[in-house]
Amino acid sequence: MFVVSAIETVKKDSDYVNINNPHHFHDFCQLLYKYLNLYLPLYNNELVLLCIGTDRATGDSLGPLVGYKLKDFKHNNIHIFGTLDKPVHAKNLIETLAYVKLLYPNALIISVDACLGSLDKVGSVSIGEGSIRPGAGLKKDLPSVGDLHIIGIVNVSTSMNMAVLQNTRLSLVMNMADLISLGVRHCISLYNYRMSIKK
């Protein structure tokens, strides 16, 4: 989990999709597929989805929920890290990153995490280039993660971010997790299909 302002210097650009938009699934898939189509060929068409967070705080459970919803998604070129059973969080992030880079040194890494931000962005999912800094919103010193990022803005940033995370609505986080996981399934399946017919 991090605060949007804390990563402005890390990420290059982002596009936002609000889950209350009636066309949010179409808009999300259009954006995600654009990035996959642009970046996957540069990384041997191999993808690591690094889903960051913990189920101990509702607002920070977005990443593990996405990982949980994708753990049965079987494609040779996609690897999921971070689920409800095996979350990736502050205590094991560095170790997990080293493991990912050892196993999949040439893979595209997309980091998925929850975020606190401005009121007008709450309920939005952002996709963009560049890494994120998990834990920045809670003053944790962790490495930047990802070549691309998908973040869900789950609540408003305040001076009491941990309390805000604990009081975030589960329904909002679940809706975001559904959008991201279904979007990833759709876009990866479409990408792999289009690659197969090119061969």
N, C-alpha and C. Protein backbone atom coordinates (compact mmCIF):
# COMPACT_ATOMS: atom_id res chain seq x y z
N MET A 1 0.85 -1.18 0.00
CA MET A 1 0.00 0.00 0.00
C MET A 1 0.88 1.23 0.00
N PHE A 2 0.48 2.24 -0.74
CA PHE A 2 1.24 3.48 -0.78
C PHE A 2 0.29 4.63 -1.06
N VAL A 3 0.80 5.83 -0.93
CA VAL A 3 0.03 7.03 -1.23
C VAL A 3 0.45 7.52 -2.60
N VAL A 4 -0.51 7.96 -3.40
CA VAL A 4 -0.21 8.35 -4.78
C VAL A 4 0.94 9.33 -4.85
N SER A 5 0.94 10.37 -4.01
CA SER A 5 1.97 11.39 -4.09
C SER A 5 3.36 10.83 -3.81
N ALA A 6 3.41 9.71 -3.08
CA ALA A 6 4.71 9.14 -2.72
C ALA A 6 5.41 8.46 -3.88
N ILE A 7 4.71 8.21 -4.96
CA ILE A 7 5.35 7.50 -6.07
C ILE A 7 5.37 8.32 -7.36
N GLU A 8 5.02 9.60 -7.28
CA GLU A 8 4.98 10.40 -8.49
C GLU A 8 6.33 10.43 -9.19
N THR A 9 7.42 10.37 -8.42
CA THR A 9 8.74 10.43 -9.04
C THR A 9 9.17 9.08 -9.61
N VAL A 10 8.46 8.02 -9.29
CA VAL A 10 8.84 6.69 -9.74
C VAL A 10 8.11 6.31 -11.01
N LYS A 11 6.81 6.51 -11.01
CA LYS A 11 6.03 6.11 -12.18
C LYS A 11 6.09 7.19 -13.25
N LYS A 12 5.98 6.77 -14.48
CA LYS A 12 6.09 7.70 -15.59
C LYS A 12 4.74 8.28 -15.97
N ASP A 13 3.76 7.43 -16.07
CA ASP A 13 2.46 7.88 -16.53
C ASP A 13 1.43 6.84 -16.13
N SER A 14 0.20 7.29 -15.97
CA SER A 14 -0.86 6.36 -15.58
C SER A 14 -2.17 6.74 -16.23
N ASP A 15 -2.99 5.74 -16.48
CA ASP A 15 -4.35 5.93 -16.95
C ASP A 15 -5.28 5.40 -15.87
N TYR A 16 -6.42 6.06 -15.68
CA TYR A 16 -7.35 5.69 -14.61
C TYR A 16 -8.67 5.19 -15.18
N VAL A 17 -9.22 4.16 -14.53
CA VAL A 17 -10.55 3.64 -14.86
C VAL A 17 -11.33 3.58 -13.56
N ASN A 18 -12.47 4.27 -13.51
CA ASN A 18 -13.30 4.25 -12.31
C ASN A 18 -14.26 3.07 -12.38
N ILE A 19 -14.34 2.30 -11.30
CA ILE A 19 -15.18 1.10 -11.32
C ILE A 19 -16.67 1.42 -11.37
N ASN A 20 -17.03 2.69 -11.13
CA ASN A 20 -18.43 3.08 -11.23
C ASN A 20 -18.84 3.46 -12.65
N ASN A 21 -17.85 3.54 -13.52
CA ASN A 21 -18.13 3.80 -14.93
C ASN A 21 -18.79 2.56 -15.53
N PRO A 22 -19.93 2.71 -16.22
CA PRO A 22 -20.61 1.53 -16.76
C PRO A 22 -19.78 0.73 -17.76
N HIS A 23 -18.76 1.35 -18.34
CA HIS A 23 -17.91 0.66 -19.32
C HIS A 23 -16.52 0.35 -18.74
N HIS A 24 -16.45 0.20 -17.40
CA HIS A 24 -15.13 0.08 -16.78
C HIS A 24 -14.37 -1.17 -17.23
N PHE A 25 -15.05 -2.28 -17.46
CA PHE A 25 -14.32 -3.49 -17.88
C PHE A 25 -13.71 -3.30 -19.27
N HIS A 26 -14.48 -2.76 -20.18
CA HIS A 26 -13.98 -2.49 -21.53
C HIS A 26 -12.80 -1.53 -21.48
N ASP A 27 -12.95 -0.45 -20.71
CA ASP A 27 -11.89 0.55 -20.63
C ASP A 27 -10.61 -0.03 -20.02
N PHE A 28 -10.77 -0.82 -18.96
CA PHE A 28 -9.62 -1.43 -18.30
C PHE A 28 -8.89 -2.38 -19.26
N CYS A 29 -9.65 -3.23 -19.92
CA CYS A 29 -9.05 -4.21 -20.84
C CYS A 29 -8.36 -3.52 -22.01
N GLN A 30 -8.95 -2.46 -22.49
CA GLN A 30 -8.34 -1.72 -23.60
C GLN A 30 -6.97 -1.17 -23.19
N LEU A 31 -6.91 -0.61 -21.98
CA LEU A 31 -5.64 -0.07 -21.49
C LEU A 31 -4.63 -1.18 -21.21
N LEU A 32 -5.06 -2.22 -20.51
CA LEU A 32 -4.14 -3.29 -20.16
C LEU A 32 -3.60 -3.98 -21.40
N TYR A 33 -4.46 -4.24 -22.36
CA TYR A 33 -4.00 -4.93 -23.57
C TYR A 33 -3.00 -4.07 -24.34
N LYS A 34 -3.22 -2.76 -24.33
CA LYS A 34 -2.28 -1.85 -25.00
C LYS A 34 -0.88 -2.01 -24.40
N TYR A 35 -0.81 -2.04 -23.08
CA TYR A 35 0.50 -2.18 -22.42
C TYR A 35 1.10 -3.57 -22.64
N LEU A 36 0.28 -4.61 -22.56
CA LEU A 36 0.78 -5.97 -22.79
C LEU A 36 1.31 -6.11 -24.20
N ASN A 37 0.59 -5.60 -25.15
CA ASN A 37 0.98 -5.70 -26.56
C ASN A 37 2.28 -4.94 -26.83
N LEU A 38 2.47 -3.86 -26.10
CA LEU A 38 3.67 -3.04 -26.26
C LEU A 38 4.89 -3.65 -25.57
N TYR A 39 4.68 -4.18 -24.36
CA TYR A 39 5.81 -4.60 -23.53
C TYR A 39 6.14 -6.09 -23.57
N LEU A 40 5.16 -6.96 -23.65
CA LEU A 40 5.45 -8.40 -23.57
C LEU A 40 6.45 -8.88 -24.62
N PRO A 41 6.38 -8.41 -25.87
CA PRO A 41 7.38 -8.86 -26.85
C PRO A 41 8.82 -8.50 -26.45
N LEU A 42 8.98 -7.45 -25.64
CA LEU A 42 10.32 -7.04 -25.20
C LEU A 42 10.84 -7.91 -24.05
N TYR A 43 9.94 -8.71 -23.47
CA TYR A 43 10.28 -9.55 -22.31
C TYR A 43 9.99 -11.02 -22.60
N ASN A 44 10.25 -11.44 -23.83
CA ASN A 44 10.08 -12.85 -24.23
C ASN A 44 8.66 -13.36 -23.99
N ASN A 45 7.69 -12.45 -24.02
CA ASN A 45 6.27 -12.80 -23.83
C ASN A 45 6.00 -13.50 -22.50
N GLU A 46 6.83 -13.22 -21.51
CA GLU A 46 6.67 -13.83 -20.19
C GLU A 46 6.29 -12.75 -19.17
N LEU A 47 5.31 -13.07 -18.33
CA LEU A 47 4.76 -12.08 -17.39
C LEU A 47 4.76 -12.62 -15.97
N VAL A 48 5.21 -11.79 -15.04
CA VAL A 48 5.06 -12.04 -13.61
C VAL A 48 4.11 -10.99 -13.06
N LEU A 49 3.05 -11.45 -12.42
CA LEU A 49 2.12 -10.55 -11.75
C LEU A 49 2.44 -10.62 -10.26
N LEU A 50 2.95 -9.53 -9.72
CA LEU A 50 3.35 -9.48 -8.31
C LEU A 50 2.28 -8.74 -7.53
N CYS A 51 1.46 -9.49 -6.82
CA CYS A 51 0.29 -8.96 -6.12
C CYS A 51 0.66 -8.68 -4.66
N ILE A 52 0.77 -7.42 -4.32
CA ILE A 52 1.35 -7.01 -3.04
C ILE A 52 0.25 -6.60 -2.05
N GLY A 53 0.44 -6.97 -0.79
CA GLY A 53 -0.50 -6.56 0.25
C GLY A 53 -0.71 -7.65 1.28
N THR A 54 -1.67 -7.42 2.16
CA THR A 54 -1.97 -8.37 3.22
C THR A 54 -3.46 -8.41 3.51
N ASP A 55 -3.94 -9.58 3.90
CA ASP A 55 -5.35 -9.70 4.24
C ASP A 55 -5.63 -9.28 5.69
N ARG A 56 -4.62 -8.76 6.37
CA ARG A 56 -4.80 -8.31 7.75
C ARG A 56 -5.43 -6.91 7.82
N ALA A 57 -5.46 -6.21 6.70
CA ALA A 57 -6.11 -4.90 6.62
C ALA A 57 -6.96 -4.88 5.36
N THR A 58 -8.23 -4.59 5.51
CA THR A 58 -9.16 -4.66 4.37
C THR A 58 -8.65 -3.85 3.18
N GLY A 59 -8.23 -2.62 3.45
CA GLY A 59 -7.80 -1.76 2.36
C GLY A 59 -6.54 -2.22 1.66
N ASP A 60 -5.74 -3.03 2.35
CA ASP A 60 -4.48 -3.50 1.77
C ASP A 60 -4.59 -4.90 1.20
N SER A 61 -5.81 -5.42 1.10
CA SER A 61 -6.00 -6.80 0.64
C SER A 61 -6.23 -6.92 -0.86
N LEU A 62 -6.17 -5.80 -1.58
CA LEU A 62 -6.43 -5.85 -3.03
C LEU A 62 -5.47 -6.80 -3.75
N GLY A 63 -4.17 -6.65 -3.52
CA GLY A 63 -3.20 -7.51 -4.19
C GLY A 63 -3.43 -8.99 -3.93
N PRO A 64 -3.51 -9.40 -2.65
CA PRO A 64 -3.76 -10.82 -2.36
C PRO A 64 -5.07 -11.34 -2.93
N LEU A 65 -6.10 -10.50 -2.98
CA LEU A 65 -7.37 -10.93 -3.56
C LEU A 65 -7.24 -11.17 -5.06
N VAL A 66 -6.51 -10.29 -5.74
CA VAL A 66 -6.27 -10.47 -7.18
C VAL A 66 -5.50 -11.77 -7.40
N GLY A 67 -4.45 -11.98 -6.61
CA GLY A 67 -3.67 -13.21 -6.74
C GLY A 67 -4.50 -14.45 -6.48
N TYR A 68 -5.36 -14.39 -5.47
CA TYR A 68 -6.24 -15.51 -5.14
C TYR A 68 -7.17 -15.82 -6.30
N LYS A 69 -7.70 -14.79 -6.94
CA LYS A 69 -8.64 -14.99 -8.04
C LYS A 69 -7.95 -15.48 -9.32
N LEU A 70 -6.63 -15.33 -9.37
CA LEU A 70 -5.88 -15.74 -10.56
C LEU A 70 -5.03 -16.99 -10.34
N LYS A 71 -5.05 -17.56 -9.13
CA LYS A 71 -4.13 -18.66 -8.84
C LYS A 71 -4.39 -19.90 -9.68
N ASP A 72 -5.62 -20.05 -10.20
CA ASP A 72 -5.93 -21.21 -11.04
C ASP A 72 -5.85 -20.87 -12.53
N PHE A 73 -5.35 -19.69 -12.86
CA PHE A 73 -5.24 -19.25 -14.26
C PHE A 73 -3.96 -19.83 -14.84
N LYS A 74 -4.09 -20.85 -15.64
CA LYS A 74 -2.93 -21.61 -16.11
C LYS A 74 -2.54 -21.26 -17.54
N HIS A 75 -1.49 -20.50 -17.66
CA HIS A 75 -0.84 -20.25 -18.95
C HIS A 75 0.66 -20.36 -18.71
N ASN A 76 1.38 -20.91 -19.66
CA ASN A 76 2.81 -21.12 -19.48
C ASN A 76 3.60 -19.83 -19.29
N ASN A 77 3.05 -18.72 -19.80
CA ASN A 77 3.83 -17.49 -19.79
C ASN A 77 3.39 -16.48 -18.73
N ILE A 78 2.56 -16.88 -17.77
CA ILE A 78 2.17 -15.97 -16.69
C ILE A 78 2.38 -16.66 -15.34
N HIS A 79 2.97 -15.92 -14.43
CA HIS A 79 3.31 -16.45 -13.11
C HIS A 79 2.77 -15.49 -12.05
N ILE A 80 2.00 -16.02 -11.11
CA ILE A 80 1.34 -15.20 -10.09
C ILE A 80 2.07 -15.35 -8.76
N PHE A 81 2.41 -14.23 -8.15
CA PHE A 81 2.99 -14.22 -6.80
C PHE A 81 2.14 -13.30 -5.93
N GLY A 82 1.76 -13.79 -4.75
CA GLY A 82 0.97 -13.00 -3.82
C GLY A 82 -0.49 -13.40 -3.85
N THR A 83 -0.91 -14.23 -2.89
CA THR A 83 -2.31 -14.66 -2.78
C THR A 83 -2.74 -14.50 -1.33
N LEU A 84 -3.98 -14.85 -1.05
CA LEU A 84 -4.46 -14.80 0.34
C LEU A 84 -3.68 -15.78 1.21
N ASP A 85 -3.37 -16.96 0.67
CA ASP A 85 -2.64 -17.96 1.43
C ASP A 85 -1.15 -17.65 1.55
N LYS A 86 -0.60 -17.07 0.48
CA LYS A 86 0.83 -16.74 0.47
C LYS A 86 1.02 -15.30 0.00
N PRO A 87 0.72 -14.34 0.88
CA PRO A 87 0.80 -12.93 0.48
C PRO A 87 2.25 -12.45 0.33
N VAL A 88 2.42 -11.44 -0.51
CA VAL A 88 3.70 -10.75 -0.63
C VAL A 88 3.53 -9.40 0.06
N HIS A 89 4.31 -9.16 1.10
CA HIS A 89 4.15 -7.95 1.91
C HIS A 89 5.52 -7.44 2.34
N ALA A 90 5.51 -6.45 3.23
CA ALA A 90 6.75 -5.78 3.62
C ALA A 90 7.82 -6.75 4.13
N LYS A 91 7.41 -7.78 4.85
CA LYS A 91 8.39 -8.67 5.48
C LYS A 91 9.05 -9.64 4.51
N ASN A 92 8.40 -9.92 3.38
CA ASN A 92 9.00 -10.89 2.44
C ASN A 92 9.16 -10.35 1.03
N LEU A 93 8.97 -9.05 0.84
CA LEU A 93 9.03 -8.48 -0.51
C LEU A 93 10.41 -8.63 -1.13
N ILE A 94 11.45 -8.28 -0.40
CA ILE A 94 12.81 -8.34 -0.95
C ILE A 94 13.17 -9.77 -1.32
N GLU A 95 12.85 -10.70 -0.45
CA GLU A 95 13.10 -12.12 -0.71
C GLU A 95 12.32 -12.61 -1.92
N THR A 96 11.06 -12.19 -2.03
CA THR A 96 10.22 -12.61 -3.16
C THR A 96 10.75 -12.05 -4.47
N LEU A 97 11.17 -10.79 -4.46
CA LEU A 97 11.74 -10.17 -5.66
C LEU A 97 12.98 -10.92 -6.13
N ALA A 98 13.84 -11.28 -5.20
CA ALA A 98 15.05 -12.03 -5.56
C ALA A 98 14.69 -13.38 -6.17
N TYR A 99 13.68 -14.03 -5.61
CA TYR A 99 13.23 -15.33 -6.10
C TYR A 99 12.65 -15.20 -7.51
N VAL A 100 11.85 -14.16 -7.73
CA VAL A 100 11.25 -13.91 -9.05
C VAL A 100 12.34 -13.68 -10.08
N LYS A 101 13.32 -12.87 -9.74
CA LYS A 101 14.38 -12.55 -10.70
C LYS A 101 15.29 -13.74 -10.98
N LEU A 102 15.38 -14.63 -10.01
CA LEU A 102 16.16 -15.86 -10.22
C LEU A 102 15.43 -16.81 -11.16
N LEU A 103 14.13 -16.98 -10.94
CA LEU A 103 13.34 -17.92 -11.75
C LEU A 103 13.00 -17.37 -13.12
N TYR A 104 12.66 -16.09 -13.17
CA TYR A 104 12.17 -15.48 -14.42
C TYR A 104 12.93 -14.18 -14.68
N PRO A 105 14.22 -14.28 -14.99
CA PRO A 105 15.05 -13.07 -15.11
C PRO A 105 14.66 -12.14 -16.24
N ASN A 106 13.98 -12.66 -17.25
CA ASN A 106 13.64 -11.83 -18.41
C ASN A 106 12.16 -11.48 -18.49
N ALA A 107 11.41 -11.78 -17.44
CA ALA A 107 9.95 -11.56 -17.47
C ALA A 107 9.58 -10.10 -17.22
N LEU A 108 8.48 -9.71 -17.81
CA LEU A 108 7.85 -8.42 -17.51
C LEU A 108 7.18 -8.54 -16.14
N ILE A 109 7.46 -7.61 -15.25
CA ILE A 109 6.85 -7.63 -13.92
C ILE A 109 5.81 -6.52 -13.82
N ILE A 110 4.57 -6.93 -13.54
CA ILE A 110 3.51 -5.97 -13.26
C ILE A 110 3.18 -6.06 -11.78
N SER A 111 3.35 -4.96 -11.07
CA SER A 111 3.03 -4.94 -9.65
C SER A 111 1.57 -4.50 -9.47
N VAL A 112 0.89 -5.18 -8.56
CA VAL A 112 -0.51 -4.88 -8.24
C VAL A 112 -0.58 -4.54 -6.76
N ASP A 113 -1.13 -3.38 -6.43
CA ASP A 113 -1.18 -2.97 -5.03
C ASP A 113 -2.35 -2.03 -4.80
N ALA A 114 -2.69 -1.87 -3.52
CA ALA A 114 -3.70 -0.90 -3.11
C ALA A 114 -3.01 0.45 -2.89
N CYS A 115 -3.82 1.49 -2.88
CA CYS A 115 -3.28 2.83 -2.79
C CYS A 115 -4.29 3.74 -2.10
N LEU A 116 -3.79 4.72 -1.36
CA LEU A 116 -4.62 5.79 -0.82
C LEU A 116 -4.35 7.04 -1.63
N GLY A 117 -5.39 7.82 -1.90
CA GLY A 117 -5.19 8.99 -2.73
C GLY A 117 -6.23 10.06 -2.47
N SER A 118 -6.44 10.92 -3.44
CA SER A 118 -7.40 12.00 -3.29
C SER A 118 -8.82 11.48 -3.43
N LEU A 119 -9.77 12.21 -2.86
CA LEU A 119 -11.16 11.77 -2.83
C LEU A 119 -11.71 11.51 -4.23
N ASP A 120 -11.35 12.36 -5.20
CA ASP A 120 -11.90 12.21 -6.55
C ASP A 120 -11.36 10.97 -7.27
N LYS A 121 -10.28 10.37 -6.76
CA LYS A 121 -9.71 9.18 -7.40
C LYS A 121 -10.12 7.88 -6.71
N VAL A 122 -10.75 7.96 -5.55
CA VAL A 122 -11.16 6.74 -4.84
C VAL A 122 -12.14 5.95 -5.71
N GLY A 123 -11.90 4.67 -5.84
CA GLY A 123 -12.72 3.83 -6.72
C GLY A 123 -12.14 3.68 -8.11
N SER A 124 -10.96 4.25 -8.32
CA SER A 124 -10.31 4.14 -9.63
C SER A 124 -9.18 3.12 -9.59
N VAL A 125 -9.00 2.47 -10.72
CA VAL A 125 -7.87 1.57 -10.92
C VAL A 125 -6.95 2.23 -11.94
N SER A 126 -5.68 2.27 -11.62
CA SER A 126 -4.71 2.93 -12.48
C SER A 126 -3.76 1.91 -13.09
N ILE A 127 -3.47 2.09 -14.36
CA ILE A 127 -2.48 1.27 -15.06
C ILE A 127 -1.43 2.21 -15.64
N GLY A 128 -0.17 1.89 -15.47
CA GLY A 128 0.84 2.77 -16.01
C GLY A 128 2.21 2.14 -16.09
N GLU A 129 3.12 2.88 -16.69
CA GLU A 129 4.51 2.45 -16.81
C GLU A 129 5.26 2.78 -15.53
N GLY A 130 6.30 2.03 -15.28
CA GLY A 130 7.15 2.32 -14.14
C GLY A 130 6.78 1.55 -12.90
N SER A 131 7.64 1.66 -11.92
CA SER A 131 7.49 0.90 -10.68
C SER A 131 6.68 1.67 -9.65
N ILE A 132 6.33 0.96 -8.57
CA ILE A 132 5.71 1.57 -7.41
C ILE A 132 6.59 1.28 -6.19
N ARG A 133 6.34 2.02 -5.11
CA ARG A 133 7.08 1.79 -3.87
C ARG A 133 6.11 1.33 -2.80
N PRO A 134 5.94 0.04 -2.65
CA PRO A 134 5.01 -0.48 -1.65
C PRO A 134 5.37 0.01 -0.24
N GLY A 135 4.34 0.30 0.54
CA GLY A 135 4.56 0.71 1.92
C GLY A 135 4.91 2.16 2.12
N ALA A 136 5.03 2.93 1.02
CA ALA A 136 5.41 4.34 1.16
C ALA A 136 4.39 5.11 1.99
N GLY A 137 3.12 4.75 1.86
CA GLY A 137 2.08 5.44 2.61
C GLY A 137 2.15 5.20 4.10
N LEU A 138 2.87 4.14 4.49
CA LEU A 138 3.04 3.82 5.91
C LEU A 138 4.48 4.04 6.35
N LYS A 139 5.22 4.84 5.54
CA LYS A 139 6.61 5.20 5.86
C LYS A 139 7.55 4.01 5.92
N LYS A 140 7.28 3.00 5.09
CA LYS A 140 8.17 1.84 5.05
C LYS A 140 9.18 2.01 3.92
N ASP A 141 10.40 1.62 4.17
CA ASP A 141 11.48 1.77 3.20
C ASP A 141 11.67 0.46 2.44
N LEU A 142 10.95 0.34 1.34
CA LEU A 142 10.99 -0.88 0.53
C LEU A 142 11.42 -0.54 -0.88
N PRO A 143 11.96 -1.51 -1.62
CA PRO A 143 12.41 -1.23 -2.98
C PRO A 143 11.26 -0.97 -3.94
N SER A 144 11.55 -0.23 -5.00
CA SER A 144 10.57 -0.02 -6.06
C SER A 144 10.35 -1.34 -6.79
N VAL A 145 9.12 -1.56 -7.22
CA VAL A 145 8.74 -2.86 -7.79
C VAL A 145 7.98 -2.68 -9.09
N GLY A 146 8.37 -3.44 -10.11
CA GLY A 146 7.58 -3.54 -11.33
C GLY A 146 8.09 -2.73 -12.51
N ASP A 147 7.84 -3.26 -13.69
CA ASP A 147 8.07 -2.53 -14.94
C ASP A 147 6.82 -1.74 -15.30
N LEU A 148 5.68 -2.31 -14.95
CA LEU A 148 4.37 -1.67 -15.08
C LEU A 148 3.67 -1.82 -13.74
N HIS A 149 2.61 -1.05 -13.54
CA HIS A 149 1.87 -1.17 -12.28
C HIS A 149 0.37 -1.09 -12.51
N ILE A 150 -0.36 -1.79 -11.66
CA ILE A 150 -1.82 -1.67 -11.58
C ILE A 150 -2.13 -1.36 -10.13
N ILE A 151 -2.72 -0.22 -9.87
CA ILE A 151 -3.03 0.15 -8.50
C ILE A 151 -4.51 0.49 -8.36
N GLY A 152 -5.06 0.12 -7.23
CA GLY A 152 -6.45 0.45 -6.94
C GLY A 152 -6.49 1.46 -5.81
N ILE A 153 -7.11 2.59 -6.04
CA ILE A 153 -7.20 3.64 -5.01
C ILE A 153 -8.42 3.34 -4.16
N VAL A 154 -8.16 2.79 -2.98
CA VAL A 154 -9.23 2.21 -2.16
C VAL A 154 -9.82 3.16 -1.14
N ASN A 155 -9.10 4.24 -0.84
CA ASN A 155 -9.61 5.18 0.17
C ASN A 155 -8.81 6.47 0.11
N VAL A 156 -9.20 7.42 0.96
CA VAL A 156 -8.58 8.75 0.98
C VAL A 156 -7.34 8.74 1.87
N SER A 157 -6.29 9.39 1.40
CA SER A 157 -5.08 9.52 2.20
C SER A 157 -5.28 10.57 3.28
N THR A 158 -4.93 10.21 4.52
CA THR A 158 -5.02 11.14 5.65
C THR A 158 -3.75 11.01 6.49
N SER A 159 -3.75 11.67 7.63
CA SER A 159 -2.61 11.55 8.54
C SER A 159 -2.63 10.23 9.30
N MET A 160 -3.74 9.49 9.19
CA MET A 160 -3.87 8.21 9.89
C MET A 160 -4.16 7.10 8.88
N ASN A 161 -3.19 6.84 8.02
CA ASN A 161 -3.39 5.92 6.91
C ASN A 161 -3.70 4.49 7.34
N MET A 162 -3.09 4.00 8.42
CA MET A 162 -3.36 2.64 8.86
C MET A 162 -4.81 2.49 9.31
N ALA A 163 -5.32 3.49 10.02
CA ALA A 163 -6.72 3.46 10.45
C ALA A 163 -7.66 3.49 9.24
N VAL A 164 -7.28 4.27 8.24
CA VAL A 164 -8.09 4.34 7.01
C VAL A 164 -8.12 2.99 6.32
N LEU A 165 -6.98 2.32 6.25
CA LEU A 165 -6.92 0.99 5.62
C LEU A 165 -7.82 0.00 6.34
N GLN A 166 -7.82 0.06 7.66
CA GLN A 166 -8.62 -0.87 8.45
C GLN A 166 -10.11 -0.62 8.27
N ASN A 167 -10.48 0.60 7.88
CA ASN A 167 -11.90 0.96 7.74
C ASN A 167 -12.34 1.13 6.29
N THR A 168 -11.59 0.56 5.38
CA THR A 168 -11.96 0.59 3.96
C THR A 168 -13.02 -0.47 3.69
N ARG A 169 -13.97 -0.14 2.83
CA ARG A 169 -15.06 -1.06 2.54
C ARG A 169 -14.58 -2.25 1.70
N LEU A 170 -14.90 -3.44 2.19
CA LEU A 170 -14.51 -4.66 1.48
C LEU A 170 -15.17 -4.73 0.11
N SER A 171 -16.38 -4.23 -0.01
CA SER A 171 -17.09 -4.31 -1.30
C SER A 171 -16.32 -3.56 -2.39
N LEU A 172 -15.74 -2.42 -2.04
CA LEU A 172 -14.96 -1.65 -3.01
C LEU A 172 -13.71 -2.42 -3.43
N VAL A 173 -13.02 -2.98 -2.45
CA VAL A 173 -11.81 -3.75 -2.74
C VAL A 173 -12.13 -4.98 -3.59
N MET A 174 -13.23 -5.66 -3.26
CA MET A 174 -13.63 -6.84 -4.03
C MET A 174 -13.98 -6.49 -5.47
N ASN A 175 -14.69 -5.38 -5.66
CA ASN A 175 -15.05 -4.96 -7.02
C ASN A 175 -13.81 -4.65 -7.84
N MET A 176 -12.83 -4.03 -7.21
CA MET A 176 -11.57 -3.75 -7.91
C MET A 176 -10.82 -5.04 -8.22
N ALA A 177 -10.79 -5.96 -7.27
CA ALA A 177 -10.11 -7.25 -7.49
C ALA A 177 -10.78 -8.03 -8.61
N ASP A 178 -12.11 -7.98 -8.67
CA ASP A 178 -12.83 -8.64 -9.77
C ASP A 178 -12.45 -8.03 -11.11
N LEU A 179 -12.44 -6.70 -11.17
CA LEU A 179 -12.10 -6.02 -12.42
C LEU A 179 -10.69 -6.39 -12.87
N ILE A 180 -9.73 -6.30 -11.97
CA ILE A 180 -8.34 -6.56 -12.34
C ILE A 180 -8.13 -8.02 -12.74
N SER A 181 -8.65 -8.95 -11.94
CA SER A 181 -8.43 -10.38 -12.24
C SER A 181 -9.12 -10.81 -13.52
N LEU A 182 -10.36 -10.37 -13.71
CA LEU A 182 -11.07 -10.72 -14.95
C LEU A 182 -10.42 -10.06 -16.15
N GLY A 183 -9.95 -8.83 -15.97
CA GLY A 183 -9.27 -8.13 -17.05
C GLY A 183 -7.97 -8.82 -17.45
N VAL A 184 -7.20 -9.27 -16.46
CA VAL A 184 -5.96 -9.99 -16.74
C VAL A 184 -6.26 -11.29 -17.48
N ARG A 185 -7.25 -12.04 -17.01
CA ARG A 185 -7.63 -13.29 -17.70
C ARG A 185 -7.97 -13.02 -19.16
N HIS A 186 -8.81 -12.02 -19.38
CA HIS A 186 -9.26 -11.71 -20.74
C HIS A 186 -8.09 -11.29 -21.63
N CYS A 187 -7.28 -10.36 -21.13
CA CYS A 187 -6.21 -9.79 -21.96
C CYS A 187 -5.09 -10.79 -22.24
N ILE A 188 -4.71 -11.58 -21.25
CA ILE A 188 -3.66 -12.58 -21.48
C ILE A 188 -4.15 -13.65 -22.44
N SER A 189 -5.39 -14.10 -22.27
CA SER A 189 -5.95 -15.11 -23.18
C SER A 189 -6.01 -14.58 -24.60
N LEU A 190 -6.43 -13.33 -24.75
CA LEU A 190 -6.51 -12.71 -26.08
C LEU A 190 -5.11 -12.55 -26.67
N TYR A 191 -4.17 -12.09 -25.87
CA TYR A 191 -2.80 -11.90 -26.34
C TYR A 191 -2.20 -13.23 -26.81
N ASN A 192 -2.34 -14.27 -25.99
CA ASN A 192 -1.78 -15.58 -26.34
C ASN A 192 -2.45 -16.16 -27.58
N TYR A 193 -3.75 -15.95 -27.72
CA TYR A 193 -4.45 -16.44 -28.91
C TYR A 193 -3.92 -15.74 -30.16
N ARG A 194 -3.77 -14.43 -30.08
CA ARG A 194 -3.29 -13.69 -31.25
C ARG A 194 -1.84 -14.05 -31.58
N MET A 195 -1.06 -14.33 -30.56
CA MET A 195 0.32 -14.77 -30.81
C MET A 195 0.35 -16.14 -31.48
N SER A 196 -0.58 -17.02 -31.08
CA SER A 196 -0.60 -18.38 -31.63
C SER A 196 -0.97 -18.40 -33.11
N ILE A 197 -1.86 -17.51 -33.51
CA ILE A 197 -2.27 -17.52 -34.92
C ILE A 197 -1.26 -16.81 -35.82
N LYS A 198 -0.30 -16.11 -35.20
CA LYS A 198 0.76 -15.48 -35.98
C LYS A 198 1.85 -16.48 -36.34
N LYS A 199 1.93 -17.58 -35.57
CA LYS A 199 3.00 -18.56 -35.79
C LYS A 199 2.77 -19.39 -37.04
